[in-house]
Amino acid sequence: MSALLPASPNISANVYRLIIRLRHILVHGYDVITPDIIWEIITNKIPILVQELDAMIKGL
């Protein structure tokens, strides 16, 4: 994922941080992931990611 940053400079670093952080949580925290954590991500993090991506698309 971090290899995409130089290839896509229009995407904010915040979007990359959110995507990479989610991946790390799911991959490395699989033994401690709870439904509450997943719900927190779905309700609070994904909407931020969608807003960032929408803004990027509108800027194209």
N, C-alpha and C. Protein backbone atom coordinates (compact mmCIF):
# COMPACT_ATOMS: atom_id res chain seq x y z
N MET A 1 0.82 -1.19 0.00
CA MET A 1 0.00 0.00 0.00
C MET A 1 0.86 1.25 0.00
N SER A 2 1.93 1.25 0.79
CA SER A 2 2.78 2.44 0.84
C SER A 2 3.45 2.70 -0.50
N ALA A 3 3.54 1.71 -1.35
CA ALA A 3 4.12 1.90 -2.68
C ALA A 3 3.21 2.76 -3.55
N LEU A 4 1.95 2.86 -3.21
CA LEU A 4 1.01 3.67 -3.99
C LEU A 4 1.16 5.16 -3.73
N LEU A 5 1.69 5.53 -2.58
CA LEU A 5 1.78 6.94 -2.22
C LEU A 5 2.52 7.77 -3.26
N PRO A 6 3.72 7.37 -3.69
CA PRO A 6 4.39 8.17 -4.72
C PRO A 6 3.66 8.13 -6.07
N ALA A 7 2.97 7.04 -6.34
CA ALA A 7 2.28 6.90 -7.62
C ALA A 7 0.98 7.69 -7.67
N SER A 8 0.43 8.02 -6.52
CA SER A 8 -0.86 8.73 -6.45
C SER A 8 -0.75 9.92 -5.51
N PRO A 9 -0.05 10.96 -5.91
CA PRO A 9 0.15 12.10 -5.00
C PRO A 9 -1.12 12.87 -4.67
N ASN A 10 -2.19 12.68 -5.44
CA ASN A 10 -3.44 13.39 -5.17
C ASN A 10 -4.19 12.82 -3.97
N ILE A 11 -3.89 11.61 -3.60
CA ILE A 11 -4.55 10.99 -2.45
C ILE A 11 -3.82 11.46 -1.20
N SER A 12 -4.55 11.97 -0.25
CA SER A 12 -3.93 12.53 0.94
C SER A 12 -3.27 11.45 1.79
N ALA A 13 -2.29 11.87 2.54
CA ALA A 13 -1.59 10.96 3.44
C ALA A 13 -2.55 10.40 4.48
N ASN A 14 -3.58 11.17 4.82
CA ASN A 14 -4.57 10.71 5.79
C ASN A 14 -5.30 9.47 5.29
N VAL A 15 -5.64 9.44 4.01
CA VAL A 15 -6.30 8.27 3.43
C VAL A 15 -5.40 7.06 3.54
N TYR A 16 -4.14 7.24 3.19
CA TYR A 16 -3.21 6.12 3.28
C TYR A 16 -3.06 5.63 4.71
N ARG A 17 -2.96 6.57 5.65
CA ARG A 17 -2.82 6.17 7.05
C ARG A 17 -4.02 5.35 7.50
N LEU A 18 -5.22 5.78 7.13
CA LEU A 18 -6.42 5.04 7.53
C LEU A 18 -6.45 3.64 6.94
N ILE A 19 -6.12 3.53 5.67
CA ILE A 19 -6.13 2.22 5.01
C ILE A 19 -5.07 1.31 5.62
N ILE A 20 -3.87 1.81 5.79
CA ILE A 20 -2.77 1.00 6.33
C ILE A 20 -3.05 0.62 7.77
N ARG A 21 -3.60 1.56 8.54
CA ARG A 21 -3.91 1.26 9.94
C ARG A 21 -4.96 0.15 10.06
N LEU A 22 -5.98 0.23 9.23
CA LEU A 22 -7.01 -0.80 9.23
C LEU A 22 -6.42 -2.16 8.89
N ARG A 23 -5.56 -2.19 7.89
CA ARG A 23 -4.92 -3.44 7.51
C ARG A 23 -4.10 -4.00 8.67
N HIS A 24 -3.32 -3.16 9.33
CA HIS A 24 -2.50 -3.62 10.45
C HIS A 24 -3.37 -4.17 11.59
N ILE A 25 -4.45 -3.48 11.86
CA ILE A 25 -5.34 -3.96 12.92
C ILE A 25 -5.90 -5.33 12.58
N LEU A 26 -6.37 -5.49 11.36
CA LEU A 26 -6.98 -6.76 10.96
C LEU A 26 -5.97 -7.89 10.84
N VAL A 27 -4.78 -7.59 10.32
CA VAL A 27 -3.79 -8.64 10.09
C VAL A 27 -3.05 -9.00 11.37
N HIS A 28 -2.61 -7.99 12.11
CA HIS A 28 -1.76 -8.26 13.27
C HIS A 28 -2.54 -8.33 14.58
N GLY A 29 -3.77 -7.88 14.57
CA GLY A 29 -4.54 -7.89 15.80
C GLY A 29 -5.68 -8.88 15.77
N TYR A 30 -5.57 -9.86 14.88
CA TYR A 30 -6.68 -10.80 14.71
C TYR A 30 -7.06 -11.51 16.00
N ASP A 31 -6.11 -11.67 16.92
CA ASP A 31 -6.39 -12.38 18.16
C ASP A 31 -7.10 -11.51 19.19
N VAL A 32 -7.12 -10.19 18.96
CA VAL A 32 -7.77 -9.29 19.92
C VAL A 32 -8.90 -8.48 19.29
N ILE A 33 -9.16 -8.71 18.03
CA ILE A 33 -10.24 -7.98 17.36
C ILE A 33 -11.58 -8.44 17.93
N THR A 34 -12.39 -7.48 18.27
CA THR A 34 -13.73 -7.77 18.78
C THR A 34 -14.76 -7.15 17.85
N PRO A 35 -15.98 -7.59 17.94
CA PRO A 35 -17.03 -6.94 17.13
C PRO A 35 -17.12 -5.44 17.40
N ASP A 36 -16.86 -5.02 18.63
CA ASP A 36 -16.90 -3.59 18.96
C ASP A 36 -15.83 -2.81 18.21
N ILE A 37 -14.65 -3.38 18.08
CA ILE A 37 -13.57 -2.72 17.34
C ILE A 37 -13.94 -2.61 15.87
N ILE A 38 -14.45 -3.69 15.31
CA ILE A 38 -14.86 -3.65 13.90
C ILE A 38 -15.97 -2.62 13.71
N TRP A 39 -16.93 -2.56 14.63
CA TRP A 39 -18.01 -1.60 14.51
C TRP A 39 -17.48 -0.16 14.59
N GLU A 40 -16.52 0.07 15.47
CA GLU A 40 -15.88 1.39 15.59
C GLU A 40 -15.24 1.79 14.26
N ILE A 41 -14.55 0.87 13.64
CA ILE A 41 -13.91 1.14 12.35
C ILE A 41 -14.97 1.45 11.29
N ILE A 42 -16.01 0.63 11.25
CA ILE A 42 -17.06 0.80 10.24
C ILE A 42 -17.78 2.13 10.41
N THR A 43 -18.09 2.49 11.64
CA THR A 43 -18.91 3.68 11.86
C THR A 43 -18.11 4.98 11.92
N ASN A 44 -16.83 4.91 12.32
CA ASN A 44 -16.07 6.14 12.51
C ASN A 44 -14.91 6.34 11.55
N LYS A 45 -14.32 5.28 11.06
CA LYS A 45 -13.15 5.41 10.19
C LYS A 45 -13.49 5.33 8.71
N ILE A 46 -14.34 4.39 8.36
CA ILE A 46 -14.70 4.22 6.95
C ILE A 46 -15.36 5.48 6.39
N PRO A 47 -16.27 6.15 7.12
CA PRO A 47 -16.85 7.38 6.56
C PRO A 47 -15.81 8.45 6.26
N ILE A 48 -14.78 8.56 7.09
CA ILE A 48 -13.71 9.52 6.83
C ILE A 48 -12.98 9.14 5.55
N LEU A 49 -12.71 7.87 5.40
CA LEU A 49 -12.04 7.39 4.19
C LEU A 49 -12.88 7.68 2.95
N VAL A 50 -14.17 7.44 3.04
CA VAL A 50 -15.07 7.69 1.90
C VAL A 50 -15.07 9.18 1.55
N GLN A 51 -15.12 10.05 2.55
CA GLN A 51 -15.09 11.50 2.29
C GLN A 51 -13.80 11.90 1.58
N GLU A 52 -12.68 11.38 2.06
CA GLU A 52 -11.39 11.69 1.44
C GLU A 52 -11.35 11.22 -0.01
N LEU A 53 -11.82 10.02 -0.24
CA LEU A 53 -11.81 9.48 -1.60
C LEU A 53 -12.77 10.24 -2.51
N ASP A 54 -13.94 10.61 -2.00
CA ASP A 54 -14.88 11.41 -2.78
C ASP A 54 -14.26 12.75 -3.18
N ALA A 55 -13.58 13.39 -2.24
CA ALA A 55 -12.94 14.67 -2.53
C ALA A 55 -11.86 14.49 -3.59
N MET A 56 -11.13 13.39 -3.50
CA MET A 56 -10.08 13.13 -4.48
C MET A 56 -10.69 12.93 -5.87
N ILE A 57 -11.76 12.16 -5.94
CA ILE A 57 -12.41 11.89 -7.23
C ILE A 57 -12.96 13.17 -7.83
N LYS A 58 -13.57 14.02 -7.01
CA LYS A 58 -14.11 15.28 -7.51
C LYS A 58 -13.01 16.20 -8.01
N GLY A 59 -11.80 16.03 -7.47
CA GLY A 59 -10.68 16.86 -7.88
C GLY A 59 -10.01 16.41 -9.16
N LEU A 60 -10.43 15.27 -9.69
CA LEU A 60 -9.82 14.77 -10.93
C LEU A 60 -10.32 15.51 -12.14
